[in-house]
Protein backbone atom coordinates (compact mmCIF):
# COMPACT_ATOMS: atom_id res chain seq x y z
CA MET A 1 -31.72 -23.67 4.38
CA LYS A 2 -31.77 -23.05 0.67
CA CYS A 3 -31.40 -19.78 -1.23
CA HIS A 4 -30.62 -18.41 -4.68
CA ILE A 5 -28.60 -15.25 -5.28
CA PRO A 6 -28.67 -13.44 -8.65
CA GLY A 7 -25.46 -12.58 -10.49
CA PRO A 8 -25.10 -8.87 -9.50
CA ASN A 9 -25.59 -9.70 -5.81
CA VAL A 10 -23.00 -12.50 -5.95
CA LYS A 11 -20.35 -9.81 -6.34
CA VAL A 12 -21.57 -8.12 -3.13
CA LEU A 13 -21.48 -11.44 -1.27
CA GLY A 14 -17.95 -12.12 -2.53
CA ARG A 15 -16.69 -8.74 -1.36
CA THR A 16 -18.34 -9.34 2.00
CA ILE A 17 -16.53 -12.65 2.45
CA HIS A 18 -13.19 -11.01 1.58
CA ALA A 19 -13.85 -8.17 4.04
CA LEU A 20 -14.76 -10.59 6.85
CA ALA A 21 -11.62 -12.62 6.13
CA ARG A 22 -9.53 -9.63 7.24
CA PHE A 23 -11.22 -9.81 10.64
CA GLY A 24 -11.33 -13.48 11.61
CA ASP A 25 -10.46 -17.04 10.56
CA GLU A 26 -13.91 -18.55 11.12
CA LEU A 27 -17.24 -17.66 9.55
CA TYR A 28 -20.52 -18.09 11.44
CA LEU A 29 -23.64 -18.44 9.30
CA GLU A 30 -27.17 -18.22 10.66
CA SER A 31 -30.46 -18.22 8.73
CA LEU A 32 -33.52 -16.51 10.16
CA SER A 33 -37.02 -16.16 8.84
CA ASP A 34 -36.30 -12.83 7.11
CA CYS A 35 -32.51 -12.70 6.66
CA ILE A 36 -29.15 -14.46 6.72
CA LEU A 37 -26.44 -13.34 9.13
CA LEU A 38 -22.69 -13.70 8.58
CA ARG A 39 -20.46 -13.10 11.61
CA THR A 40 -16.79 -13.33 12.51
CA LEU A 41 -14.47 -12.41 15.38
CA ASN A 42 -10.73 -11.80 15.42
CA ALA A 43 -8.35 -13.84 17.55
CA ALA A 44 -7.80 -11.06 20.11
CA GLU A 45 -11.60 -10.59 20.45
CA SER A 46 -11.15 -6.86 19.86
CA ALA A 47 -12.94 -6.66 16.50
CA TYR A 48 -16.32 -8.13 15.53
CA ALA A 49 -18.12 -8.02 12.19
CA MET A 50 -21.70 -8.85 11.27
CA VAL A 51 -23.33 -8.60 7.84
CA LYS A 52 -27.09 -8.98 7.48
CA PHE A 53 -28.64 -9.90 4.11
CA ASN A 54 -32.36 -9.24 3.99
CA LYS A 55 -34.85 -11.50 2.26
CA ASN A 56 -35.10 -9.25 -0.81
CA PHE A 57 -31.37 -9.77 -1.41
CA PHE A 58 -32.18 -13.29 -2.70
CA SER A 59 -34.21 -14.40 -5.66
CA TYR A 60 -35.34 -17.45 -3.67
CA PHE A 61 -35.11 -17.85 0.12
CA ASN A 62 -36.18 -20.68 2.44
CA TYR A 63 -34.48 -20.55 5.81
CA ASN A 64 -35.58 -24.03 7.06
CA PHE A 65 -35.65 -26.00 3.83
CA TYR A 66 -34.15 -29.18 5.33
CA SER A 67 -35.21 -28.60 8.94
CA THR A 68 -37.73 -30.83 10.64
CA GLU A 69 -38.83 -28.07 13.03
CA GLU A 70 -40.82 -25.14 11.77
CA ASN A 71 -38.91 -22.27 13.46
CA GLU A 72 -35.41 -23.72 13.27
CA GLY A 73 -32.94 -22.32 10.75
CA LEU A 74 -29.35 -23.11 9.91
CA LYS A 75 -26.64 -22.37 12.47
CA CYS A 76 -23.12 -23.41 11.53
CA LYS A 77 -19.47 -22.45 11.61
CA ILE A 78 -17.17 -22.94 8.61
CA SER A 79 -13.55 -22.15 7.83
CA MET A 80 -12.89 -18.74 6.33
CA LYS A 81 -10.32 -20.20 3.94
CA SER A 82 -12.96 -22.51 2.48
CA ALA A 83 -15.28 -19.58 1.94
CA LEU A 84 -12.52 -17.57 0.28
CA HIS A 85 -11.80 -20.46 -2.05
CA THR A 86 -15.40 -20.26 -3.27
CA PHE A 87 -15.19 -16.50 -3.96
CA LYS A 88 -11.68 -16.15 -5.39
CA SER A 89 -12.23 -13.11 -7.63
CA PRO A 90 -15.30 -11.12 -6.53
CA THR A 91 -14.48 -8.25 -8.90
CA HIS A 92 -15.51 -10.20 -12.03
CA MET A 93 -18.10 -12.55 -10.52
CA ASP A 94 -21.05 -10.50 -11.73
CA LYS A 95 -19.85 -10.96 -15.34
CA GLN A 96 -19.22 -14.70 -15.01
CA VAL A 97 -21.81 -16.02 -12.54
CA GLU A 98 -25.49 -15.97 -13.42
CA ASN A 99 -26.82 -17.53 -10.22
CA LEU A 100 -25.51 -18.87 -6.89
CA GLU A 101 -27.30 -21.53 -4.91
CA ILE A 102 -26.48 -22.09 -1.23
CA LYS A 103 -27.95 -25.11 0.52
CA LEU A 104 -27.25 -27.60 3.25
CA ASP A 105 -26.65 -31.27 2.50
CA PRO A 106 -28.28 -33.15 5.44
CA VAL A 107 -26.58 -36.46 4.54
CA THR A 108 -22.94 -35.33 4.49
CA CYS A 109 -23.48 -32.30 6.81
CA LYS A 110 -21.77 -29.99 4.35
CA LEU A 111 -22.65 -26.57 3.05
CA ILE A 112 -22.90 -26.54 -0.75
CA PHE A 113 -22.10 -23.49 -2.88
CA GLN A 114 -23.14 -24.07 -6.48
CA LEU A 115 -22.21 -21.36 -8.99
CA LYS A 116 -24.01 -21.47 -12.33
CA CYS A 117 -21.82 -19.59 -14.77
CA LYS A 118 -22.19 -18.63 -18.42
CA TYR A 119 -22.09 -21.20 -21.23
CA GLY A 120 -23.59 -23.84 -18.94
CA ILE A 121 -20.59 -24.12 -16.60
CA VAL A 122 -21.46 -25.23 -13.06
CA LYS A 123 -18.96 -25.01 -10.17
CA THR A 124 -19.82 -26.81 -6.96
CA HIS A 125 -17.95 -26.30 -3.69
CA TYR A 126 -18.53 -28.56 -0.68
CA VAL A 127 -17.58 -26.83 2.56
CA SER A 128 -17.30 -28.84 5.76
CA ILE A 129 -19.21 -27.63 8.80
CA LEU A 130 -16.96 -27.24 11.84
CA ASP A 131 -19.65 -26.69 14.43
CA CYS A 132 -23.39 -26.14 14.68
CA LYS A 133 -23.65 -23.00 16.76
CA ALA A 134 -24.16 -19.26 16.38
CA MET A 135 -22.31 -16.25 17.79
CA GLN A 136 -23.78 -13.00 19.07
CA ALA A 137 -22.06 -9.83 20.30
CA ILE A 138 -23.71 -7.37 22.69
CA TYR A 139 -23.36 -3.70 21.77
CA THR A 140 -25.50 -0.63 21.20
CA LYS A 141 -25.58 1.72 18.24
CA ASP A 142 -28.77 3.75 18.67
CA LEU A 143 -28.51 5.36 22.11
CA VAL A 144 -25.09 6.95 21.65
CA PRO A 145 -24.21 10.67 21.90
CA ASN A 146 -21.71 10.78 19.04
CA ARG A 147 -22.67 10.04 15.44
CA ILE A 148 -20.61 10.81 12.35
CA THR A 149 -21.44 10.05 8.72
CA SER A 150 -18.70 10.42 6.16
CA SER A 151 -17.86 9.40 2.65
CA GLN A 152 -15.44 6.51 2.49
CA ARG A 153 -13.23 8.40 0.01
CA MET A 154 -12.49 11.22 2.45
CA LEU A 155 -11.47 8.82 5.23
CA THR A 156 -9.40 6.73 2.81
CA GLU A 157 -7.47 9.80 1.69
CA ALA A 158 -6.89 10.75 5.33
CA LEU A 159 -5.52 7.29 6.15
CA SER A 160 -3.20 7.38 3.14
CA ASN A 161 -1.03 9.84 5.10
CA PHE A 162 -0.35 7.28 7.83
CA GLN A 163 2.53 4.81 7.80
CA ASN A 164 1.93 1.13 7.08
CA SER A 165 3.69 0.29 10.34
CA ASP A 166 1.09 2.16 12.43
CA ASP A 167 -1.02 -0.27 14.44
CA GLN A 168 -3.59 2.03 16.02
CA VAL A 169 -5.25 5.33 15.30
CA THR A 170 -6.61 7.89 17.76
CA LEU A 171 -9.69 10.05 17.20
CA GLU A 172 -10.09 13.17 19.33
CA VAL A 173 -13.56 14.57 18.70
CA SER A 174 -15.02 17.91 19.70
CA SER A 175 -17.80 20.12 18.45
CA GLN A 176 -15.31 22.19 16.42
CA SER A 177 -13.20 19.51 14.73
CA LEU A 178 -12.09 15.89 14.56
CA LEU A 179 -8.42 15.24 15.16
CA MET A 180 -7.00 12.00 13.72
CA ARG A 181 -3.48 10.95 14.67
CA ASN A 182 -1.41 7.80 14.91
CA TYR A 183 -1.05 6.28 18.35
CA ILE A 184 2.52 6.30 19.73
CA ASP A 185 3.58 4.38 22.80
CA SER A 186 4.88 6.79 25.42
CA ASN A 187 7.78 4.46 26.26
CA LEU A 188 9.31 4.91 22.80
CA ASP A 189 11.68 7.69 21.73
CA LEU A 190 9.45 10.25 20.05
CA CYS A 191 12.39 11.83 18.23
CA LYS A 192 12.79 8.68 16.12
CA ILE A 193 9.12 8.14 15.27
CA ILE A 194 7.04 9.78 12.55
CA ARG A 195 3.95 11.44 14.00
CA THR A 196 0.95 12.01 11.72
CA GLN A 197 -1.93 14.27 12.68
CA ILE A 198 -4.88 15.43 10.57
CA ASN A 199 -7.45 18.01 11.60
CA ILE A 200 -10.83 17.61 9.86
CA LYS A 201 -13.55 20.25 10.10
CA PRO A 202 -17.24 19.30 10.63
CA SER A 203 -18.14 20.69 7.21
CA GLU A 204 -16.16 17.86 5.58
CA PHE A 205 -18.61 15.24 6.90
CA ASP A 206 -22.09 14.44 5.68
CA SER A 207 -23.33 14.45 9.27
CA TYR A 208 -21.46 15.45 12.43
CA ILE A 209 -23.18 15.18 15.82
CA ILE A 210 -20.98 15.25 18.93
CA GLY A 211 -22.79 15.06 22.26
CA ALA A 212 -19.78 14.15 24.41
CA GLU A 213 -16.22 15.16 23.61
CA THR A 214 -13.89 12.19 24.00
CA ILE A 215 -10.73 10.49 22.76
CA ILE A 216 -10.84 6.92 21.44
CA THR A 217 -8.15 4.62 20.06
CA PHE A 218 -8.76 1.51 17.96
CA THR A 219 -6.86 -0.82 15.66
CA LEU A 220 -5.93 0.43 12.22
CA LYS A 221 -5.90 -2.95 10.46
CA GLU A 222 -9.64 -3.57 10.82
CA PHE A 223 -10.39 0.10 10.13
CA ARG A 224 -8.65 -0.14 6.76
CA ALA A 225 -10.55 -3.36 6.00
CA LEU A 226 -13.98 -1.86 6.56
CA LEU A 227 -13.03 1.25 4.61
CA ALA A 228 -12.01 -0.94 1.67
CA PHE A 229 -15.37 -2.71 1.91
CA ALA A 230 -17.29 0.57 1.87
CA GLU A 231 -15.17 1.89 -0.99
CA ALA A 232 -15.76 -1.23 -3.09
CA LEU A 233 -19.52 -0.79 -2.73
CA SER A 234 -19.38 3.06 -3.02
CA LEU A 235 -21.38 3.50 0.18
CA PRO A 236 -20.95 6.06 3.01
CA LEU A 237 -19.68 5.06 6.43
CA GLN A 238 -21.42 5.77 9.72
CA LEU A 239 -19.57 5.89 13.04
CA HIS A 240 -21.52 5.54 16.30
CA PHE A 241 -19.59 5.70 19.59
CA GLU A 242 -19.84 6.85 23.18
CA VAL A 243 -16.77 7.44 25.32
CA THR A 244 -13.42 5.74 25.65
CA GLY A 245 -13.63 2.13 26.76
CA LYS A 246 -16.94 1.54 24.98
CA PRO A 247 -16.95 -0.11 21.52
CA ALA A 248 -17.15 1.97 18.36
CA VAL A 249 -19.65 0.75 15.75
CA PHE A 250 -19.07 1.36 12.03
CA ILE A 251 -22.13 0.84 9.82
CA VAL A 252 -22.30 0.33 6.06
CA HIS A 253 -25.71 -0.27 4.45
CA ASN A 254 -27.64 0.43 1.28
CA GLY A 255 -30.99 0.85 2.97
CA SER A 256 -32.96 -2.20 1.84
CA THR A 257 -30.95 -5.30 0.96
CA PHE A 258 -28.04 -5.57 3.40
CA GLU A 259 -26.45 -3.92 6.43
CA ALA A 260 -22.95 -4.43 7.86
CA HIS A 261 -21.80 -3.67 11.42
CA PHE A 262 -18.12 -3.54 12.33
CA VAL A 263 -17.51 -3.25 16.07
CA LEU A 264 -14.02 -2.24 17.28
CA ALA A 265 -12.84 -2.11 20.88
CA THR A 266 -11.52 1.29 22.02
CA SER A 267 -8.91 2.38 24.53
CA LYS A 268 -7.72 5.71 25.87
CA PRO A 269 -4.14 6.78 25.01
CA ASP A 270 -1.82 8.09 27.69
CA VAL A 271 -2.05 11.71 26.56
CA ALA A 272 -0.35 13.18 29.64
CA THR A 273 2.66 10.93 29.30
CA GLN A 274 2.97 11.68 25.60
CA ALA A 275 2.74 15.40 26.26
CA SER A 276 5.46 15.27 28.91
CA SER A 277 7.64 13.17 26.59
CA GLN A 278 7.22 15.70 23.81
CA THR A 279 8.14 18.55 26.18
CA SER A 280 11.23 16.79 27.50
CA SER A 281 12.35 15.88 23.98
CA ARG A 282 12.01 19.50 22.86
CA ILE A 283 14.02 20.68 25.90
CA ASP A 284 16.78 18.16 25.21
CA LYS A 285 16.89 19.17 21.56
CA LYS A 286 17.15 22.85 22.51
CA ARG A 287 19.97 22.10 24.92
CA LYS A 288 21.87 20.26 22.20
CA GLU A 289 21.47 23.19 19.81
CA ASN A 290 22.68 25.74 22.39
CA SER A 291 25.64 23.67 23.58
CA SER A 292 29.16 24.60 22.31
CA PRO A 293 31.10 22.18 20.12
CA TYR A 294 34.09 22.63 22.41
CA GLU A 295 32.04 21.42 25.36
CA SER A 296 30.93 18.34 23.48
CA SER A 297 34.50 17.54 22.49
CA ALA A 298 35.60 18.01 26.08
CA LYS A 299 32.91 15.60 27.24
CA LYS A 300 34.09 12.98 24.80
CA LYS A 301 37.76 13.25 25.87
CA PRO A 302 37.58 10.99 28.95
CA HIS A 303 35.96 8.29 26.86
CA MET A 304 38.63 8.67 24.18
CA ASP A 305 41.40 8.65 26.82
CA ALA A 306 40.14 5.37 28.18
CA GLU A 307 39.96 3.77 24.74
CA ILE A 308 43.46 4.91 23.68
CA THR A 309 44.98 3.91 27.01
CA LYS A 310 43.43 0.47 26.70
CA CYS A 311 44.82 0.07 23.18
CA LEU A 312 48.29 1.15 24.32
CA GLU A 313 48.23 -1.31 27.19
CA ASP A 314 47.29 -4.17 24.88
CA ASP A 315 49.91 -3.34 22.21
CA SER A 316 52.58 -1.69 24.35
CA HIS A 317 55.31 -4.09 23.20
CA LEU A 318 55.13 -2.71 19.67
CA PHE A 319 56.42 0.71 20.78
CA ASN A 320 59.44 -0.39 22.81
CA ASP A 321 61.97 0.29 20.03
CA ILE A 322 60.32 3.49 18.66
CA GLU A 323 62.01 6.78 19.45
CA MET A 324 59.46 9.46 20.41
CA PRO A 325 59.91 12.83 18.66
CA GLU A 326 61.38 15.44 20.98
CA ASP A 327 60.80 18.55 18.90
CA VAL A 328 57.02 18.69 19.40
CA SER A 329 57.09 22.29 20.65
CA THR A 330 58.18 23.57 17.22
CA ARG A 331 55.04 22.05 15.69
CA LYS A 332 52.79 23.73 18.27
CA GLU A 333 53.71 27.22 17.10
CA ASP A 334 52.25 26.64 13.61
CA LEU A 335 48.92 25.28 14.83
CA ASN A 336 45.78 26.98 16.06
CA GLY A 337 44.37 26.62 19.55
CA GLN A 338 42.21 23.60 18.84
CA ASN A 339 45.01 21.60 17.20
CA VAL A 340 47.43 22.52 20.00
CA SER A 341 45.16 20.84 22.50
CA GLN A 342 45.15 17.76 20.29
CA VAL A 343 48.98 17.75 20.19
CA HIS A 344 49.11 17.98 23.98
CA PHE A 345 46.59 15.16 24.10
CA VAL A 346 48.68 12.86 21.90
CA GLU A 347 51.92 13.82 23.65
CA ARG A 348 50.51 13.06 27.07
CA ASN A 349 49.13 9.67 26.11
CA MET A 350 52.13 8.54 24.06
CA HIS A 351 54.80 9.47 26.61
CA CYS A 352 57.22 6.67 27.27
CA ASP A 353 56.77 6.83 31.02
CA ASP A 354 53.03 6.16 30.73
CA ILE A 355 53.52 3.04 28.61
CA PRO A 356 53.84 -0.09 30.75
CA ALA A 357 56.74 -2.46 30.19
CA SER A 358 56.44 -5.45 27.93
CA PRO A 359 55.57 -8.80 29.47
CA THR A 360 58.57 -10.99 30.24
CA SER A 361 57.19 -13.78 28.09
CA ARG A 362 57.68 -11.66 24.95
CA ILE A 363 61.33 -10.66 25.55
CA LYS A 364 62.69 -13.82 23.96
CA ILE A 365 60.51 -13.44 20.87
CA LYS A 366 61.56 -9.81 20.55
CA SER A 367 65.27 -10.67 20.64
CA VAL A 368 64.83 -13.31 17.93
CA PHE A 369 63.23 -10.90 15.46
CA LYS A 370 65.26 -7.88 16.49
CA ARG A 371 67.42 -7.77 13.32
CA CYS A 372 64.33 -7.89 11.10
CA PHE A 373 63.43 -4.37 12.19
CA GLU A 374 66.89 -2.91 11.52
CA SER A 375 67.48 -0.67 8.47
CA THR A 376 70.04 -3.00 6.84
CA PHE A 377 70.64 -6.71 7.17
CA ASP A 378 73.68 -8.63 5.98
CA PRO A 379 73.18 -12.41 5.76
CA ARG A 380 76.96 -12.90 5.84
CA SER A 381 77.08 -11.64 9.39
CA ILE A 382 75.32 -14.78 10.54
CA GLN A 383 77.93 -17.22 11.87
CA GLY A 384 76.99 -20.84 11.62
CA VAL A 385 77.17 -24.07 9.64
CA VAL A 386 75.57 -24.06 6.20
CA LEU A 387 73.26 -27.02 6.15
CA ALA A 388 72.39 -26.82 2.41
CA GLU A 389 74.46 -25.14 -0.29
CA ASN A 390 72.97 -23.13 -3.17
CA SER A 391 71.83 -25.22 -6.08
CA ASP A 392 73.01 -22.67 -8.67
CA SER A 393 76.55 -23.06 -9.97
CA ASP A 394 77.11 -19.31 -9.77
């Protein structure tokens, strides 16, 4: 295979490589008699992308330039990182590159990308071929009941309302509207998750044909990638799909030179479980709002009693020499009803009879440091031999 690509089309090829890199790590290249196909597949095998460049996309095209057989073209697999290294900045490639030549070196079995830039600069990239095989996905896009054509800008603005942490998006289509919302796992707490839902009318689309109402869910990462590709080329996006469980096909093309298919696997969300979870969460929230604050404090009291009792048991030896106040009743008269209950609560838990005795192992230590806790301490009261006299003469 050998082909030449003019400068303006090199920018399109560079953006295509960058879009495919967001799908998979390997790039499959196949040359046919009238086109060149670029394919990739993600690791989970849930997203597939294929870009077809027609013969009029190239200024020169020979699909079996180095082949010995007449009807045999190039079939190879290369690393996506190597392809990205060739097209580092596709935004400015049309201003720098005048021509791109792609050919196969039969001696070294490498794919050669030769960029002829301005001022006579030539950049040559040798990409190793990992395998000599092609990849083909089986799907249908023509005989489907649901077809939607939309501008990429409208869908991009709709996705801007979703969180970056959202992994999947759900489309619920009917003849009256299209409902787009983020997919939430029913096992999660819906009260702690942001739910995003957008209702789009059929008049917002360029074409809206719904033959079978359905609900489909697909990954949001690849959806954002294909939207960025369509936005970079300023082309509309077509969505062809059937029912849940069947793949959804997104098509971007300009009519004559190239056509891109992005196939995403779909799944059906557990709508019934999510609806029941939403209902139960609303009921729980309503119960919390209607509940009295005194009831909530009463419910927390047993837990607080257990914690305070545990603390008193652990540190009971610290309260052995503390005299409990007896005139607590005089303080109750000046307090309101809520504080009175708190005084009763403290009095009940801090009663001397409820506090267990100190362990016997700590009695000796307590008697040693007993005088340290007294109000006054006279060192002269200690009777004993002075081992070392004061160094001062006074």
